[in-house]
Amino acid sequence: MKLRYLVASIAGTSLAIALVLEFQTDWRKAPVPEALAAVSDWQPSPMRMPAPQDQLLSIYSNETFEPVTVAWRAEPPTLQFATVALLEVRPPVEIWSATLSVGETLDALLSKAGLSAIDRAEVALALAAEYDLRKLKPGYGIDVETSLSGTPRRVALSVDEGVRIEATFTDEIATRRIVPEPDLVVRAADTTVQNSIFATLASADVPARFAVDLAEMLGGTVDFRRDLQGGERLQLMWRETMLEDEVIRQPSLSFVALTIDETLYEVVWPDDNSGNATIFIDGELLRVFAQPVKGARLSSVYGNRRHPVFGDVRMHTGVDFAARHGTPVYATAPGRISFIGQRRGYGRVVEIAHGSNTMTRYAHLSDVPEGLGVGDRVAAGDNIGSVGATGTATGPNLHYEVRVDGRPTDPMSDERLAAAASQVETNTSVLVRLETVRAQFTGLLDQKVAAATSERL
């Protein structure tokens, strides 16, 4: 009985296994959809290389399926790239500007700009390489350019006559002096004397300092207090050094004509700033005045004045020429050196004897040329010293004095020195110079009148 059940069980199991195997065989042989079969069989076409240049290819039109032959370019189009300049990228900076005040030092000014003590010392050394910082004056300007960290990049110091001292601080420190090229402008004026020469020049828009030059040249010939009554004709021509519409130097006279009681006084200054002015009366040479300092300004004349140091009124025995420290001083006439040394109040002095009774004194000198000694002969125009401020002086100037028989006399009227200086001129040359400046003056006045007429029209 048990054997029968065992055989039946084995037979049933075999039948079940056979049915399962049959089912699996039928499932694997199930038909696959055609679209799926096409997708599974698709493969991309192989990539074709471009045909060589001028090779013809045949393609088919989508509509006619007729072959069409076209030309294939082997070289691709050339790409054009625009060249764009890159902008220069500069680090950000700060610029600080100021003006030197009275009593202020360069170090104090740089401190206000925010520079450290080390940077201030470095800036001072750089500027000192091109400029003597002892000559700094109130009104000088300074520009300080710094990086955001506060270190200096550029410092520019503006001094006299538009000159700039510029120092740059990069990997190396560089300093340079920038000297501008100014314009020389010649001006002219034709006016009438009023109450005084100063008032006359001021009303005519002429530099009032020319009144001192007139006193210097004509003081020994014309008595301005007694001879000028008002109404006299005064003509002037002068030179101005301009830089961007600003006068950067003291103007200098070229020509003056003053008519008093039908007498014509004329003074001509040379263009070379030698200071040797020529004086004429009614067109005839009177004398030549040789200035001891070329291009200097007459700051004080001969006679009684209030002393600039002591404050009392006392006799001024000479004339003073204001000039920069170290400006050369020249002998005004030929002679022999009679004294070199110190004199009380005068400071360092050089004295020259002209004959037996005339002497010229040059005082407040800073130094004397090496080798110049007592007994040496000098000619008019020889260098005998340099402008200084030794002795009793308020600033650098030359005190020029003429003594005859030991007594002081007006240097502007002493005919002995005038005659000595006149020896270097000839009547022909000075008359030609006079005619030249007269023509130049007339031409300038004509231009001025024409310009004024055009403005009114």
Protein backbone atom coordinates (compact mmCIF):
# COMPACT_ATOMS: atom_id res chain seq x y z
CA MET A 1 0.00 0.00 0.00
CA LYS A 2 2.79 2.38 0.96
CA LEU A 3 4.70 1.45 -2.16
CA ARG A 4 1.73 2.40 -4.29
CA TYR A 5 1.55 5.84 -2.70
CA LEU A 6 5.27 6.35 -3.16
CA VAL A 7 5.08 5.52 -6.90
CA ALA A 8 2.07 7.84 -7.35
CA SER A 9 3.90 10.65 -5.57
CA ILE A 10 6.99 10.31 -7.77
CA ALA A 11 4.84 10.23 -10.92
CA GLY A 12 2.97 13.40 -9.88
CA THR A 13 6.18 15.22 -9.15
CA SER A 14 7.63 14.29 -12.55
CA LEU A 15 4.51 15.53 -14.28
CA ALA A 16 4.68 18.88 -12.52
CA ILE A 17 8.31 19.37 -13.48
CA ALA A 18 7.51 18.55 -17.10
CA LEU A 19 4.69 21.09 -17.18
CA VAL A 20 6.91 23.84 -15.74
CA LEU A 21 9.62 23.21 -18.28
CA GLU A 22 7.12 23.30 -21.10
CA PHE A 23 5.73 26.60 -19.89
CA GLN A 24 9.14 28.22 -19.77
CA THR A 25 9.92 27.10 -23.31
CA ASP A 26 6.72 28.63 -24.65
CA TRP A 27 7.35 31.99 -22.86
CA ARG A 28 10.82 32.37 -24.33
CA LYS A 29 9.48 31.75 -27.82
CA ALA A 30 6.81 34.48 -27.58
CA PRO A 31 6.78 36.76 -30.69
CA VAL A 32 8.60 40.22 -30.37
CA PRO A 33 6.86 43.34 -31.86
CA GLU A 34 8.36 44.48 -35.19
CA ALA A 35 8.95 48.11 -34.15
CA LEU A 36 10.83 47.01 -31.06
CA ALA A 37 12.89 44.61 -33.08
CA ALA A 38 13.78 47.41 -35.58
CA VAL A 39 14.89 49.75 -32.84
CA SER A 40 17.03 47.08 -31.22
CA ASP A 41 18.72 46.31 -34.53
CA TRP A 42 19.46 50.05 -35.43
CA GLN A 43 23.08 51.21 -35.40
CA PRO A 44 24.47 54.67 -36.31
CA SER A 45 26.09 55.07 -39.71
CA PRO A 46 29.86 55.43 -39.69
CA MET A 47 31.14 59.09 -39.72
CA ARG A 48 32.31 60.25 -43.10
CA MET A 49 35.47 62.34 -43.37
CA PRO A 50 35.21 65.61 -45.34
CA ALA A 51 36.04 65.26 -48.96
CA PRO A 52 39.20 66.96 -50.22
CA GLN A 53 38.96 70.48 -51.68
CA ASP A 54 37.28 70.64 -55.08
CA GLN A 55 35.93 67.07 -54.64
CA LEU A 56 32.31 66.68 -55.78
CA LEU A 57 29.72 64.83 -53.65
CA SER A 58 26.45 63.39 -54.79
CA ILE A 59 23.44 63.78 -52.50
CA TYR A 60 19.74 63.07 -53.05
CA SER A 61 16.95 65.56 -52.98
CA ASN A 62 14.15 64.70 -50.53
CA GLU A 63 11.54 65.28 -53.22
CA THR A 64 12.94 63.85 -56.43
CA PHE A 65 15.51 61.40 -55.17
CA GLU A 66 17.67 62.59 -58.05
CA PRO A 67 21.37 62.97 -57.34
CA VAL A 68 22.58 66.57 -57.10
CA THR A 69 26.28 67.36 -57.32
CA VAL A 70 27.71 70.10 -55.04
CA ALA A 71 31.25 71.26 -54.25
CA TRP A 72 32.68 70.62 -50.79
CA ARG A 73 35.13 73.12 -49.20
CA ALA A 74 37.79 71.33 -47.24
CA GLU A 75 38.89 74.46 -45.29
CA PRO A 76 36.55 75.75 -42.60
CA PRO A 77 35.85 79.50 -42.49
CA THR A 78 38.54 81.57 -40.78
CA LEU A 79 37.49 83.02 -37.43
CA GLN A 80 38.31 86.69 -36.86
CA PHE A 81 39.11 87.73 -33.31
CA ALA A 82 38.93 91.43 -32.37
CA THR A 83 41.93 92.79 -30.48
CA VAL A 84 40.79 94.58 -27.32
CA ALA A 85 43.33 96.57 -25.30
CA LEU A 86 43.25 95.75 -21.66
CA LEU A 87 42.70 98.71 -19.36
CA GLU A 88 45.56 99.59 -17.05
CA VAL A 89 44.58 98.84 -13.53
CA ARG A 90 46.15 101.27 -11.07
CA PRO A 91 45.92 100.91 -7.35
CA PRO A 92 43.66 103.47 -5.66
CA VAL A 93 45.40 106.55 -4.27
CA GLU A 94 44.55 109.56 -2.12
CA ILE A 95 45.71 113.10 -2.95
CA TRP A 96 46.23 115.76 -0.27
CA SER A 97 47.16 119.38 -1.03
CA ALA A 98 48.09 122.33 1.17
CA THR A 99 50.05 125.59 1.30
CA LEU A 100 52.96 126.37 3.58
CA SER A 101 51.92 128.92 6.23
CA VAL A 102 54.03 131.47 8.08
CA GLY A 103 56.22 129.73 10.64
CA GLU A 104 55.24 126.25 9.43
CA THR A 105 57.83 123.62 8.60
CA LEU A 106 57.79 121.02 5.86
CA ASP A 107 57.74 118.25 8.45
CA ALA A 108 54.64 119.72 10.10
CA LEU A 109 52.92 120.00 6.74
CA LEU A 110 53.72 116.39 5.84
CA SER A 111 52.46 115.31 9.25
CA LYS A 112 49.08 116.89 8.43
CA ALA A 113 49.08 114.76 5.28
CA GLY A 114 49.17 111.67 7.51
CA LEU A 115 52.71 110.53 6.76
CA SER A 116 54.69 108.69 9.39
CA ALA A 117 57.94 110.06 10.78
CA ILE A 118 59.98 107.63 8.66
CA ASP A 119 58.08 108.58 5.49
CA ARG A 120 58.41 112.30 6.27
CA ALA A 121 62.17 111.98 6.60
CA GLU A 122 62.34 110.04 3.33
CA VAL A 123 60.28 112.70 1.53
CA ALA A 124 62.47 115.52 2.89
CA LEU A 125 65.65 113.77 1.73
CA ALA A 126 64.18 113.19 -1.74
CA LEU A 127 63.09 116.82 -2.18
CA ALA A 128 66.40 118.11 -0.80
CA ALA A 129 68.19 116.33 -3.65
CA GLU A 130 66.81 118.98 -6.06
CA TYR A 131 65.95 121.96 -3.82
CA ASP A 132 67.46 123.67 -0.78
CA LEU A 133 64.70 123.26 1.81
CA ARG A 134 66.15 126.17 3.80
CA LYS A 135 64.71 128.44 1.09
CA LEU A 136 61.11 127.37 1.72
CA LYS A 137 58.77 130.35 2.00
CA PRO A 138 55.12 130.82 2.98
CA GLY A 139 52.81 130.33 0.04
CA TYR A 140 54.66 127.38 -1.44
CA GLY A 141 52.28 124.56 -2.31
CA ILE A 142 52.63 120.83 -1.81
CA ASP A 143 50.72 117.85 -3.21
CA VAL A 144 51.00 114.47 -1.48
CA GLU A 145 49.74 111.33 -3.22
CA THR A 146 49.51 108.27 -0.98
CA SER A 147 48.28 104.70 -1.28
CA LEU A 148 45.35 103.52 0.82
CA SER A 149 47.86 102.15 3.31
CA GLY A 150 49.20 105.68 3.88
CA THR A 151 52.62 105.29 2.23
CA PRO A 152 53.71 108.08 -0.14
CA ARG A 153 53.65 107.47 -3.87
CA ARG A 154 54.34 110.99 -5.18
CA VAL A 155 55.12 114.34 -3.55
CA ALA A 156 55.28 117.61 -5.54
CA LEU A 157 56.57 120.90 -4.10
CA SER A 158 55.66 124.12 -5.96
CA VAL A 159 58.21 126.91 -5.47
CA ASP A 160 59.03 130.21 -7.20
CA GLU A 161 58.40 130.95 -10.87
CA GLY A 162 56.22 127.88 -11.44
CA VAL A 163 59.07 125.45 -10.71
CA ARG A 164 57.98 122.09 -9.24
CA ILE A 165 60.12 119.60 -7.36
CA GLU A 166 58.58 116.15 -7.81
CA ALA A 167 59.59 112.98 -5.98
CA THR A 168 58.13 109.54 -6.81
CA PHE A 169 58.33 106.54 -4.50
CA THR A 170 58.13 103.12 -6.18
CA ASP A 171 60.75 100.39 -6.15
CA GLU A 172 63.26 103.24 -6.39
CA ILE A 173 63.03 106.88 -5.30
CA ALA A 174 63.33 109.39 -8.14
CA THR A 175 63.39 113.19 -7.88
CA ARG A 176 63.20 115.70 -10.71
CA ARG A 177 62.93 119.49 -11.14
CA ILE A 178 60.20 120.58 -13.55
CA VAL A 179 60.91 124.03 -14.98
CA PRO A 180 58.09 125.45 -17.13
CA GLU A 181 58.65 127.53 -20.24
CA PRO A 182 57.05 130.92 -19.49
CA ASP A 183 55.99 133.54 -22.00
CA LEU A 184 57.58 137.00 -22.14
CA VAL A 185 54.91 139.68 -22.63
CA VAL A 186 55.79 143.30 -23.43
CA ARG A 187 53.28 145.95 -22.29
CA ALA A 188 53.04 149.72 -22.75
CA ALA A 189 51.19 152.60 -21.12
CA ASP A 190 50.75 156.29 -21.94
CA THR A 191 49.44 158.30 -19.00
CA THR A 192 49.50 161.70 -17.28
CA VAL A 193 51.14 162.42 -13.93
CA GLN A 194 48.71 163.08 -11.05
CA ASN A 195 49.58 163.90 -7.46
CA SER A 196 52.47 161.41 -7.29
CA ILE A 197 54.24 158.85 -9.41
CA PHE A 198 52.83 156.02 -7.28
CA ALA A 199 49.24 157.21 -7.73
CA THR A 200 49.80 157.75 -11.44
CA LEU A 201 51.09 154.21 -12.02
CA ALA A 202 48.36 152.64 -9.90
CA SER A 203 45.58 154.41 -11.82
CA ALA A 204 47.14 153.36 -15.16
CA ASP A 205 47.31 149.69 -14.10
CA VAL A 206 51.12 149.79 -14.15
CA PRO A 207 53.23 148.07 -11.44
CA ALA A 208 53.66 150.70 -8.71
CA ARG A 209 57.18 149.48 -7.94
CA PHE A 210 58.34 151.23 -11.12
CA ALA A 211 58.17 154.49 -9.17
CA VAL A 212 61.27 153.33 -7.28
CA ASP A 213 63.05 152.56 -10.57
CA LEU A 214 62.26 156.07 -11.81
CA ALA A 215 63.63 157.56 -8.61
CA GLU A 216 66.75 155.43 -9.04
CA MET A 217 67.38 156.53 -12.61
CA LEU A 218 66.22 160.17 -12.58
CA GLY A 219 66.58 161.04 -8.90
CA GLY A 220 69.84 162.89 -9.49
CA THR A 221 68.47 164.75 -12.53
CA VAL A 222 64.83 165.45 -11.71
CA ASP A 223 63.43 166.66 -8.37
CA PHE A 224 60.15 164.78 -8.30
CA ARG A 225 58.74 166.85 -5.42
CA ARG A 226 59.45 170.24 -6.97
CA ASP A 227 59.50 169.63 -10.72
CA LEU A 228 56.33 167.51 -10.99
CA GLN A 229 53.26 169.76 -10.77
CA GLY A 230 50.79 167.38 -12.38
CA GLY A 231 49.81 167.01 -16.02
CA GLU A 232 53.22 165.81 -17.20
CA ARG A 233 53.17 163.05 -19.81
CA LEU A 234 54.61 159.71 -18.68
CA GLN A 235 55.15 156.79 -21.04
CA LEU A 236 56.35 153.35 -19.98
CA MET A 237 57.15 150.01 -21.60
CA TRP A 238 57.90 146.93 -19.50
CA ARG A 239 58.31 143.16 -19.66
CA GLU A 240 56.30 140.57 -17.72
CA THR A 241 57.10 136.88 -17.44
CA MET A 242 53.81 134.98 -17.65
CA LEU A 243 52.88 131.39 -16.89
CA GLU A 244 49.24 130.47 -17.52
CA ASP A 245 48.03 134.08 -17.19
CA GLU A 246 50.00 134.63 -13.99
CA VAL A 247 53.04 136.87 -13.54
CA ILE A 248 55.75 134.66 -12.02
CA ARG A 249 58.60 137.17 -11.79
CA GLN A 250 59.08 140.80 -10.96
CA PRO A 251 58.26 142.89 -14.06
CA SER A 252 61.15 144.91 -15.47
CA LEU A 253 61.16 148.26 -17.24
CA SER A 254 62.35 148.57 -20.84
CA PHE A 255 61.65 152.21 -21.59
CA VAL A 256 60.42 155.36 -19.80
CA ALA A 257 59.76 158.80 -21.27
CA LEU A 258 58.87 161.74 -19.00
CA THR A 259 58.15 165.23 -20.37
CA ILE A 260 58.63 168.14 -17.92
CA ASP A 261 58.34 171.74 -19.18
CA GLU A 262 59.03 170.67 -22.77
CA THR A 263 62.15 168.77 -21.70
CA LEU A 264 62.08 165.05 -22.60
CA TYR A 265 63.81 162.63 -20.24
CA GLU A 266 64.16 159.07 -21.51
CA VAL A 267 65.59 155.95 -19.90
CA VAL A 268 66.36 152.73 -21.80
CA TRP A 269 67.08 149.40 -20.13
CA PRO A 270 68.77 146.59 -22.08
CA ASP A 271 67.00 143.29 -22.72
CA ASP A 272 69.78 141.21 -21.14
CA ASN A 273 68.93 142.34 -17.55
CA SER A 274 72.43 143.72 -17.16
CA GLY A 275 70.97 146.75 -15.42
CA ASN A 276 73.12 149.21 -17.37
CA ALA A 277 70.37 151.76 -18.00
CA THR A 278 71.03 154.64 -20.40
CA ILE A 279 69.62 158.13 -19.70
CA PHE A 280 68.87 160.69 -22.42
CA ILE A 281 67.78 164.34 -22.34
CA ASP A 282 66.05 165.56 -25.51
CA GLY A 283 67.55 162.64 -27.44
CA GLU A 284 71.15 163.17 -26.31
CA LEU A 285 73.09 160.79 -24.07
CA LEU A 286 73.35 162.01 -20.47
CA ARG A 287 74.94 159.01 -18.73
CA VAL A 288 74.96 155.24 -18.31
CA PHE A 289 74.17 153.75 -14.94
CA ALA A 290 75.82 150.39 -14.26
CA GLN A 291 73.89 148.50 -11.58
CA PRO A 292 75.92 146.54 -9.02
CA VAL A 293 73.31 143.71 -9.02
CA LYS A 294 71.77 142.66 -12.33
CA GLY A 295 67.98 142.51 -12.38
CA ALA A 296 67.70 143.49 -8.69
CA ARG A 297 64.98 145.66 -7.18
CA LEU A 298 65.87 149.00 -5.60
CA SER A 299 64.39 148.67 -2.11
CA SER A 300 65.67 151.83 -0.44
CA VAL A 301 67.03 155.13 -1.81
CA TYR A 302 69.56 157.65 -0.54
CA GLY A 303 68.51 160.14 2.14
CA ASN A 304 66.67 160.30 5.47
CA ARG A 305 64.46 157.33 6.25
CA ARG A 306 63.05 155.36 9.17
CA HIS A 307 65.54 152.63 9.96
CA PRO A 308 63.96 149.19 9.37
CA VAL A 309 65.72 147.68 12.44
CA PHE A 310 66.06 150.47 15.02
CA GLY A 311 62.89 152.33 14.06
CA ASP A 312 64.30 155.88 14.29
CA VAL A 313 64.79 158.35 11.44
CA ARG A 314 68.38 158.53 10.31
CA MET A 315 70.43 159.23 7.21
CA HIS A 316 70.68 156.38 4.73
CA THR A 317 74.10 156.86 3.18
CA GLY A 318 73.54 154.65 0.14
CA VAL A 319 70.93 152.67 -1.76
CA ASP A 320 69.77 149.10 -1.16
CA PHE A 321 69.13 146.44 -3.81
CA ALA A 322 66.93 143.54 -2.73
CA ALA A 323 68.04 140.24 -4.29
CA ARG A 324 68.32 136.57 -3.49
CA HIS A 325 71.05 135.30 -1.23
CA GLY A 326 74.14 134.53 -3.31
CA THR A 327 73.27 136.80 -6.24
CA PRO A 328 76.52 138.08 -7.84
CA VAL A 329 77.61 141.64 -7.06
CA TYR A 330 79.61 143.61 -9.65
CA ALA A 331 81.86 146.66 -9.58
CA THR A 332 80.07 149.67 -11.04
CA ALA A 333 83.24 151.37 -12.32
CA PRO A 334 86.94 150.56 -12.79
CA GLY A 335 89.18 150.95 -9.76
CA ARG A 336 91.41 149.24 -7.18
CA ILE A 337 90.32 147.13 -4.16
CA SER A 338 91.04 149.23 -1.05
CA PHE A 339 89.37 147.13 1.70
CA ILE A 340 87.92 143.66 2.26
CA GLY A 341 86.58 142.70 5.68
CA GLN A 342 83.99 143.41 8.38
CA ARG A 343 82.63 146.84 9.32
CA ARG A 344 80.18 147.48 12.15
CA GLY A 345 76.61 147.47 10.88
CA TYR A 346 77.72 146.83 7.30
CA GLY A 347 78.76 143.22 7.82
CA ARG A 348 81.12 141.83 5.19
CA VAL A 349 82.30 144.69 2.97
CA VAL A 350 84.30 145.28 -0.22
CA GLU A 351 85.49 148.83 -0.96
CA ILE A 352 86.89 150.04 -4.30
CA ALA A 353 88.89 153.24 -4.80
CA HIS A 354 88.21 155.16 -8.02
CA GLY A 355 90.97 157.74 -8.24
CA SER A 356 92.19 159.68 -5.23
CA ASN A 357 88.89 160.93 -3.76
CA THR A 358 86.05 158.56 -4.78
CA MET A 359 85.18 155.22 -3.19
CA THR A 360 82.33 152.70 -3.64
CA ARG A 361 81.25 150.40 -0.81
CA TYR A 362 79.42 147.07 -1.23
CA ALA A 363 78.03 145.85 2.11
CA HIS A 364 76.05 142.94 3.68
CA LEU A 365 77.92 140.51 1.41
CA SER A 366 77.69 136.77 2.05
CA ASP A 367 81.12 136.04 0.59
CA VAL A 368 83.94 137.37 -1.59
CA PRO A 369 85.51 135.58 -4.59
CA GLU A 370 88.51 133.46 -3.68
CA GLY A 371 91.74 135.18 -4.63
CA LEU A 372 90.37 138.71 -4.56
CA GLY A 373 92.58 140.89 -2.38
CA VAL A 374 93.43 144.44 -1.44
CA GLY A 375 95.33 146.20 -4.23
CA ASP A 376 93.77 144.17 -7.05
CA ARG A 377 92.51 146.14 -10.02
CA VAL A 378 88.92 145.53 -11.17
CA ALA A 379 86.96 146.69 -14.21
CA ALA A 380 83.33 147.74 -14.39
CA GLY A 381 81.24 144.54 -14.35
CA ASP A 382 83.80 142.38 -12.49
CA ASN A 383 82.36 140.12 -9.79
CA ILE A 384 83.49 141.31 -6.34
CA GLY A 385 81.09 139.40 -4.03
CA SER A 386 77.64 137.88 -3.45
CA VAL A 387 74.44 139.25 -1.91
CA GLY A 388 73.97 138.35 1.76
CA ALA A 389 72.46 139.56 5.02
CA THR A 390 75.56 140.11 7.20
CA GLY A 391 75.63 143.03 9.60
CA THR A 392 72.44 144.94 10.45
CA ALA A 393 70.04 143.76 7.75
CA THR A 394 66.43 142.54 7.67
CA GLY A 395 67.08 140.23 4.74
CA PRO A 396 69.42 139.52 1.83
CA ASN A 397 70.28 142.76 0.04
CA LEU A 398 73.20 144.82 -1.17
CA HIS A 399 73.95 148.18 0.43
CA TYR A 400 75.67 150.21 -2.29
CA GLU A 401 77.37 153.43 -1.23
CA VAL A 402 79.46 156.13 -2.93
CA ARG A 403 81.76 158.41 -0.89
CA VAL A 404 83.61 161.47 -2.22
CA ASP A 405 86.37 162.84 0.02
CA GLY A 406 85.04 160.59 2.76
CA ARG A 407 81.49 161.98 2.64
CA PRO A 408 78.50 159.95 1.34
CA THR A 409 76.80 161.13 -1.84
CA ASP A 410 73.79 159.97 -3.84
CA PRO A 411 75.00 157.01 -5.96
CA MET A 412 72.40 157.85 -8.59
CA SER A 413 73.63 161.36 -9.23
CA ASP A 414 77.40 161.11 -8.89
CA GLU A 415 78.78 162.10 -12.29
CA ARG A 416 82.22 160.59 -11.65
CA LEU A 417 80.92 157.02 -11.70
CA ALA A 418 78.50 157.84 -14.50
CA ALA A 419 81.34 159.05 -16.66
CA ALA A 420 83.40 155.95 -15.90
CA ALA A 421 80.53 153.64 -16.80
CA SER A 422 79.72 155.59 -19.95
CA GLN A 423 83.10 154.73 -21.41
CA VAL A 424 81.80 151.31 -22.45
CA GLU A 425 79.18 152.85 -24.76
CA THR A 426 79.40 154.82 -27.96
CA ASN A 427 76.99 157.53 -29.03
CA THR A 428 76.12 155.57 -32.16
CA SER A 429 75.12 152.36 -30.38
CA VAL A 430 73.05 154.04 -27.67
CA LEU A 431 71.19 156.22 -30.19
CA VAL A 432 70.33 153.17 -32.27
CA ARG A 433 69.00 151.48 -29.12
CA LEU A 434 66.90 154.54 -28.31
CA GLU A 435 65.33 154.62 -31.79
CA THR A 436 64.57 150.89 -31.58
CA VAL A 437 62.70 151.06 -28.28
CA ARG A 438 60.82 154.19 -29.39
CA ALA A 439 59.53 152.31 -32.45
CA GLN A 440 58.60 149.27 -30.35
CA PHE A 441 56.73 151.46 -27.87
CA THR A 442 54.79 153.22 -30.63
CA GLY A 443 53.85 149.88 -32.19
CA LEU A 444 52.52 148.54 -28.90
CA LEU A 445 50.43 151.66 -28.32
CA ASP A 446 48.94 151.38 -31.82
CA GLN A 447 47.97 147.77 -31.14
CA LYS A 448 46.45 148.74 -27.80
CA VAL A 449 44.37 151.51 -29.37
CA ALA A 450 43.21 149.22 -32.17
CA ALA A 451 42.16 146.53 -29.68
CA ALA A 452 40.25 149.06 -27.56
CA THR A 453 38.46 150.39 -30.65
CA SER A 454 37.45 146.87 -31.70
CA GLU A 455 35.99 146.17 -28.24
CA ARG A 456 33.87 149.34 -28.37
CA LEU A 457 32.57 148.42 -31.81
